[in-house]
Protein backbone atom coordinates (compact mmCIF):
# COMPACT_ATOMS: atom_id res chain seq x y z
CA MET A 1 138.74 129.93 115.77
CA LYS A 2 135.07 129.02 115.22
CA ASP A 3 133.30 126.50 117.42
CA GLY A 4 133.00 124.00 114.57
CA MET A 5 136.72 124.13 113.84
CA LYS A 6 137.56 123.82 117.54
CA GLY A 7 135.35 120.76 117.78
CA GLY A 8 137.03 119.20 114.76
CA VAL A 9 140.49 119.84 116.20
CA ARG A 10 139.49 118.28 119.52
CA ILE A 11 138.03 115.19 117.85
CA THR A 12 141.13 114.78 115.68
CA GLY A 13 143.39 115.22 118.69
CA GLY A 14 141.39 112.67 120.65
CA VAL A 15 141.58 110.11 117.85
CA VAL A 16 145.35 110.61 117.53
CA ILE A 17 145.87 110.16 121.29
CA VAL A 18 143.76 106.99 121.40
CA ALA A 19 145.58 105.58 118.37
CA ALA A 20 148.94 106.33 120.01
CA LEU A 21 147.84 104.63 123.23
CA ALA A 22 146.55 101.63 121.29
CA ALA A 23 149.99 101.25 119.68
CA LEU A 24 151.80 101.31 123.05
CA PRO A 25 152.01 97.49 123.45
CA TRP A 26 154.18 97.27 120.35
CA VAL A 27 156.65 99.99 121.36
CA GLY A 28 156.59 99.96 125.17
CA SER A 29 158.25 97.64 127.67
CA PRO A 30 156.31 94.95 129.60
CA VAL A 31 156.60 97.05 132.76
CA LEU A 32 155.11 100.07 131.02
CA LEU A 33 152.33 97.90 129.66
CA GLN A 34 151.43 96.62 133.13
CA PHE A 35 151.48 100.17 134.44
CA GLY A 36 149.20 101.18 131.58
CA ILE A 37 146.66 98.49 132.46
CA SER A 38 146.56 99.68 136.06
CA VAL A 39 146.17 103.34 135.09
CA LEU A 40 143.44 102.67 132.53
CA LEU A 41 141.39 100.62 134.99
CA LEU A 42 141.78 103.32 137.64
CA ALA A 43 140.77 105.96 135.10
CA THR A 44 137.64 103.95 134.30
CA VAL A 45 136.53 103.64 137.92
CA ALA A 46 137.30 107.35 138.43
CA GLN A 47 135.06 108.15 135.45
CA GLY A 48 132.41 105.87 136.91
CA TRP A 49 132.54 107.73 140.21
CA ASN A 50 132.49 111.02 138.29
CA ILE A 51 128.97 110.24 137.04
CA ILE A 52 127.45 109.93 140.50
CA GLY A 53 129.88 112.10 142.47
CA GLY A 54 130.98 114.75 139.96
CA PHE A 55 127.86 115.31 137.88
CA THR A 56 125.13 114.33 140.35
CA GLY A 57 126.88 115.56 143.50
CA TYR A 58 126.37 112.41 145.58
CA PRO A 59 129.74 111.42 147.15
CA SER A 60 129.54 107.63 146.90
CA PHE A 61 131.96 105.58 149.00
CA GLY A 62 130.31 102.35 147.86
CA ASN A 63 131.49 102.08 144.25
CA SER A 64 134.07 99.50 145.29
CA VAL A 65 131.09 97.18 145.85
CA PHE A 66 130.27 97.36 142.14
CA TYR A 67 133.92 96.71 141.33
CA GLY A 68 133.84 93.60 143.51
CA LEU A 69 130.57 92.37 142.00
CA GLY A 70 132.06 92.67 138.53
CA ALA A 71 135.16 90.79 139.64
CA TYR A 72 133.15 88.02 141.25
CA GLY A 73 130.85 87.76 138.23
CA VAL A 74 133.90 86.84 136.15
CA GLY A 75 135.50 84.79 138.92
CA ILE A 76 132.47 82.60 139.65
CA ALA A 77 131.65 82.11 135.96
CA MET A 78 135.17 81.05 135.02
CA ALA A 79 136.38 79.24 138.16
CA GLN A 80 133.16 77.53 139.24
CA PHE A 81 131.27 76.97 135.97
CA GLN A 82 134.10 77.03 133.37
CA LEU A 83 132.23 79.64 131.33
CA PRO A 84 133.92 82.10 128.94
CA PHE A 85 135.27 85.41 130.20
CA TRP A 86 132.68 87.51 128.35
CA VAL A 87 129.80 85.58 129.97
CA GLY A 88 131.19 86.34 133.42
CA LEU A 89 131.75 89.97 132.42
CA LEU A 90 128.10 90.35 131.40
CA ALA A 91 126.94 88.50 134.53
CA GLY A 92 128.94 90.82 136.77
CA LEU A 93 127.65 93.83 134.84
CA ALA A 94 124.03 92.74 135.23
CA LEU A 95 124.48 91.97 138.92
CA ALA A 96 126.10 95.33 139.65
CA VAL A 97 123.56 97.36 137.68
CA VAL A 98 120.55 95.62 139.26
CA PHE A 99 122.09 95.95 142.71
CA ALA A 100 122.75 99.67 142.12
CA GLY A 101 119.16 100.19 140.99
CA VAL A 102 117.64 98.45 144.01
CA LEU A 103 120.11 100.05 146.39
CA GLY A 104 119.64 103.47 144.85
CA ILE A 105 115.93 103.47 145.60
CA ALA A 106 116.80 103.36 149.30
CA VAL A 107 120.10 105.16 149.81
CA LEU A 108 119.69 107.98 147.29
CA ARG A 109 117.04 109.46 149.55
CA LEU A 110 119.94 110.42 151.83
CA LYS A 111 122.14 113.43 151.16
CA GLY A 112 125.60 114.70 151.94
CA HIS A 113 127.57 112.98 154.69
CA TYR A 114 124.62 110.70 155.51
CA PHE A 115 124.78 109.25 152.00
CA ALA A 116 128.57 108.99 152.18
CA ILE A 117 128.52 107.11 155.51
CA CYS A 118 125.78 104.77 154.35
CA THR A 119 127.61 103.82 151.15
CA LEU A 120 130.89 103.46 153.07
CA GLY A 121 129.36 100.68 155.14
CA LEU A 122 128.29 98.75 152.03
CA ALA A 123 131.82 97.57 151.27
CA PHE A 124 132.21 96.05 154.74
CA VAL A 125 128.79 94.41 154.58
CA MET A 126 129.48 92.92 151.14
CA THR A 127 132.90 91.67 152.25
CA ALA A 128 131.27 89.82 155.16
CA ILE A 129 128.55 88.34 152.94
CA VAL A 130 130.88 87.09 150.20
CA SER A 131 133.34 85.72 152.78
CA ASN A 132 130.63 83.26 153.81
CA LEU A 133 129.52 82.17 150.33
CA PRO A 134 131.02 78.81 149.27
CA LEU A 135 130.14 79.59 145.64
CA ALA A 136 132.43 82.64 145.85
CA GLY A 137 135.24 80.70 147.52
CA SER A 138 134.33 82.04 150.97
CA ASN A 139 137.16 84.05 152.53
CA ILE A 140 139.80 82.02 150.65
CA GLY A 141 138.93 83.50 147.27
CA LEU A 142 138.92 82.15 143.72
CA VAL A 143 141.71 81.25 141.33
CA LEU A 144 140.93 82.03 137.69
CA PRO A 145 142.45 80.42 134.58
CA LEU A 146 145.75 82.03 133.64
CA LEU A 147 145.96 83.98 130.40
CA LYS A 148 149.36 85.48 129.66
CA SER A 149 148.32 88.26 127.31
CA ASP A 150 149.00 91.71 128.72
CA VAL A 151 148.27 93.16 125.28
CA LEU A 152 144.70 91.85 125.37
CA PHE A 153 144.04 93.23 128.85
CA TYR A 154 145.61 96.56 127.91
CA GLU A 155 143.44 96.94 124.82
CA LEU A 156 140.33 95.92 126.77
CA ALA A 157 141.12 98.47 129.50
CA LEU A 158 141.79 101.16 126.87
CA ALA A 159 138.53 100.44 125.05
CA LEU A 160 136.63 100.60 128.34
CA VAL A 161 138.07 103.95 129.44
CA VAL A 162 137.40 105.40 125.97
CA LEU A 163 133.79 104.20 126.16
CA ALA A 164 133.40 105.63 129.67
CA THR A 165 134.84 108.98 128.56
CA LEU A 166 132.54 109.12 125.53
CA VAL A 167 129.54 108.49 127.79
CA VAL A 168 130.69 111.23 130.17
CA PHE A 169 131.15 113.54 127.16
CA TRP A 170 127.58 112.74 126.14
CA LEU A 171 126.42 113.48 129.68
CA ALA A 172 128.12 116.87 129.59
CA HIS A 173 126.09 117.83 126.50
CA SER A 174 122.79 116.00 127.02
CA ARG A 175 119.53 116.84 128.68
CA PHE A 176 120.06 113.96 131.08
CA GLY A 177 123.47 115.33 132.06
CA PHE A 178 122.05 118.83 132.53
CA GLY A 179 119.46 117.31 134.84
CA LEU A 180 122.20 115.65 136.91
CA VAL A 181 124.08 118.94 137.20
CA ALA A 182 120.86 120.66 138.25
CA ILE A 183 120.45 118.05 141.00
CA ARG A 184 124.02 118.68 142.13
CA GLU A 185 123.53 122.45 142.30
CA ASN A 186 120.03 122.54 143.79
CA GLU A 187 118.00 119.35 143.97
CA GLU A 188 114.81 121.02 145.18
CA GLY A 189 115.07 123.63 142.43
CA ALA A 190 115.64 120.91 139.84
CA ALA A 191 112.49 119.11 140.99
CA VAL A 192 110.50 122.33 140.70
CA MET A 193 111.81 122.77 137.14
CA GLY A 194 110.41 119.36 136.18
CA VAL A 195 113.43 117.08 136.63
CA ASN A 196 112.47 113.61 137.90
CA THR A 197 115.24 113.69 140.49
CA THR A 198 114.64 110.18 141.86
CA LEU A 199 114.80 108.56 138.42
CA TYR A 200 117.80 110.63 137.32
CA LYS A 201 119.78 109.75 140.46
CA ILE A 202 119.05 106.04 140.18
CA LEU A 203 120.00 105.96 136.49
CA ALA A 204 123.24 107.82 137.26
CA PHE A 205 124.03 105.33 140.04
CA MET A 206 123.37 102.41 137.70
CA LEU A 207 125.52 103.91 134.95
CA SER A 208 128.32 104.49 137.45
CA ALA A 209 128.00 100.88 138.61
CA ALA A 210 128.17 99.58 135.03
CA PHE A 211 131.61 101.00 134.23
CA THR A 212 132.99 100.19 137.67
CA SER A 213 131.87 96.55 137.43
CA LEU A 214 133.34 96.13 133.95
CA ALA A 215 136.69 97.39 135.24
CA GLY A 216 136.45 94.91 138.12
CA GLY A 217 135.73 92.05 135.72
CA ILE A 218 138.76 92.83 133.56
CA TYR A 219 140.91 93.15 136.68
CA ALA A 220 139.80 89.74 137.97
CA TYR A 221 140.83 87.91 134.80
CA TYR A 222 144.05 89.90 134.55
CA ILE A 223 145.18 89.25 138.13
CA THR A 224 143.82 85.60 138.09
CA PHE A 225 143.01 85.65 141.81
CA ILE A 226 140.34 87.47 143.79
CA ASP A 227 139.28 87.51 147.43
CA PRO A 228 136.67 89.60 149.30
CA GLY A 229 139.16 91.86 151.05
CA GLY A 230 140.95 92.68 147.81
CA VAL A 231 138.09 93.50 145.43
CA PHE A 232 135.77 95.20 147.94
CA ASP A 233 138.60 97.30 149.39
CA VAL A 234 137.47 100.74 150.53
CA VAL A 235 140.93 102.11 149.66
CA LEU A 236 140.06 101.65 145.99
CA ASN A 237 137.02 103.85 146.49
CA VAL A 238 139.19 106.52 148.12
CA LYS A 239 141.58 106.36 145.17
CA MET A 240 138.85 106.84 142.57
CA ILE A 241 137.47 109.83 144.48
CA ILE A 242 140.89 111.44 144.87
CA MET A 243 141.71 110.95 141.18
CA ALA A 244 138.38 112.34 140.02
CA VAL A 245 138.57 115.37 142.33
CA PHE A 246 142.26 115.99 141.54
CA GLY A 247 141.60 115.98 137.81
CA GLY A 248 138.32 117.86 138.06
CA ALA A 249 135.07 116.26 139.21
CA GLY A 250 132.21 117.00 136.84
CA SER A 251 134.51 117.46 133.84
CA VAL A 252 134.98 115.11 130.89
CA LEU A 253 138.72 114.42 130.94
CA GLY A 254 139.53 115.40 134.52
CA PRO A 255 139.26 111.91 136.09
CA VAL A 256 141.40 110.37 133.33
CA VAL A 257 144.10 113.02 133.71
CA GLY A 258 143.92 112.73 137.50
CA ALA A 259 144.38 108.95 137.33
CA LEU A 260 147.37 109.30 135.01
CA VAL A 261 149.13 112.06 136.98
CA LEU A 262 148.60 110.61 140.45
CA SER A 263 149.46 107.07 139.34
CA ALA A 264 152.69 108.33 137.77
CA ILE A 265 153.60 110.29 140.91
CA SER A 266 152.79 107.31 143.12
CA GLU A 267 154.90 104.99 140.95
CA VAL A 268 157.90 107.33 140.95
CA LEU A 269 157.74 107.87 144.70
CA ALA A 270 157.34 104.16 145.38
CA THR A 271 160.49 103.35 143.40
CA ARG A 272 162.64 106.31 144.46
CA VAL A 273 161.69 106.95 148.10
CA THR A 274 159.81 103.85 149.20
CA GLY A 275 160.04 104.59 152.92
CA ILE A 276 158.16 107.87 152.80
CA ALA A 277 156.28 107.49 149.52
CA SER A 278 152.87 107.58 151.20
CA MET A 279 153.69 110.81 153.01
CA PHE A 280 154.84 112.55 149.83
CA PHE A 281 151.82 111.27 147.93
CA GLY A 282 149.52 112.64 150.61
CA LEU A 283 151.39 115.95 150.56
CA VAL A 284 150.91 116.23 146.80
CA ILE A 285 147.17 115.75 147.24
CA VAL A 286 146.92 118.35 150.03
CA VAL A 287 148.87 120.94 148.03
CA ALA A 288 146.77 120.23 144.97
CA VAL A 289 143.52 120.72 146.88
CA VAL A 290 144.75 124.05 148.26
CA PHE A 291 145.92 125.46 144.93
CA MET A 292 143.30 123.91 142.67
CA PRO A 293 140.28 122.81 144.73
CA ARG A 294 138.20 122.28 141.58
CA GLY A 295 140.81 120.15 139.87
CA LEU A 296 143.23 120.38 136.98
CA ALA A 297 140.43 120.97 134.49
CA GLN A 298 139.25 124.16 136.18
CA LEU A 299 142.82 125.28 136.83
CA GLY A 300 143.52 125.25 133.09
CA THR A 301 140.53 127.51 132.45
CA GLU A 302 141.45 129.91 135.26
CA TRP A 303 145.12 129.98 134.22
CA ARG A 304 144.25 131.16 130.71
CA LYS A 305 142.24 134.01 132.21
CA THR A 306 144.24 135.21 135.21
CA GLY A 307 147.58 133.35 135.21
CA TRP A 308 149.38 133.13 138.57
CA ARG A 309 146.63 135.11 140.26
CA SER A 310 144.40 132.03 140.10
CA PHE A 311 146.69 130.27 142.63
CA PHE A 312 146.50 133.10 145.15
CA ASP A 313 142.74 133.47 144.68
CA ASN A 314 142.29 129.78 145.45
CA VAL A 315 144.43 130.00 148.59
CA ARG A 316 142.48 132.99 149.87
CA SER A 317 139.13 131.31 149.10
CA HIS A 318 140.03 127.90 150.53
CA ARG A 319 142.18 128.52 153.60
CA LEU A 320 143.05 125.45 155.68
């Protein structure tokens, strides 16, 4: 099949899948709809992390800060100033993007585990700061106006993850995206080849913050209550990393597939074997990393070429 025909088939398939997902509220149960909102928001933050962690190669543990800023943008606007949801969403977006730009100038000079440790501390610092801000409800939190419309939140979450995936698709085929991949593979070599590595990294960090903050804003209005410990939770950052890596960091659809698969496994285990659900979930992740260290996306490519041998090659190359 020619490349043009393959591209057409993929676009058609993507449109059909999105249309089917958009129709879910009218055919699915309320429980399925709530699960869908959760998965779509997790897929969005995983895609956001994919931009800075998967494409650029900087393992950020601070993206939960952007999520919290987006949530508090909506929370403060609606609870304290009685402003519309979309105003708070834009305020949280602007705050997160500006914060990522200023922060990126400083922390993106670090590399590897130094960068990871530095960004990990951001969530704790931000939690302490917001816990002492009366405007943000201090450590008590904020209660937002209640809107009983799961369909609206589902469609918003779906639109956001589609937008994030389209942007990641553009990255995978753009000069900017190629520059990010070059930074991931060899930053010094990329600089020698003419890539403005500082600018590229900061823009990637800001783009990652944008999608993460939008997901946080939608979450805040959906859940109707936010507090510092909940929206700046480091566990959320761990989840987005695991989902992106499980699905295939640096790929277009990997983080979305990873969010769907791991969320489904987690939900099944939590309802069937609640006492040891966490252990089984962790075991699934460990096994997945051993057999497919580059994620589901790469596994599919290797499987078409070598079949079962790809599993054994991965085990030999990545012994524990």
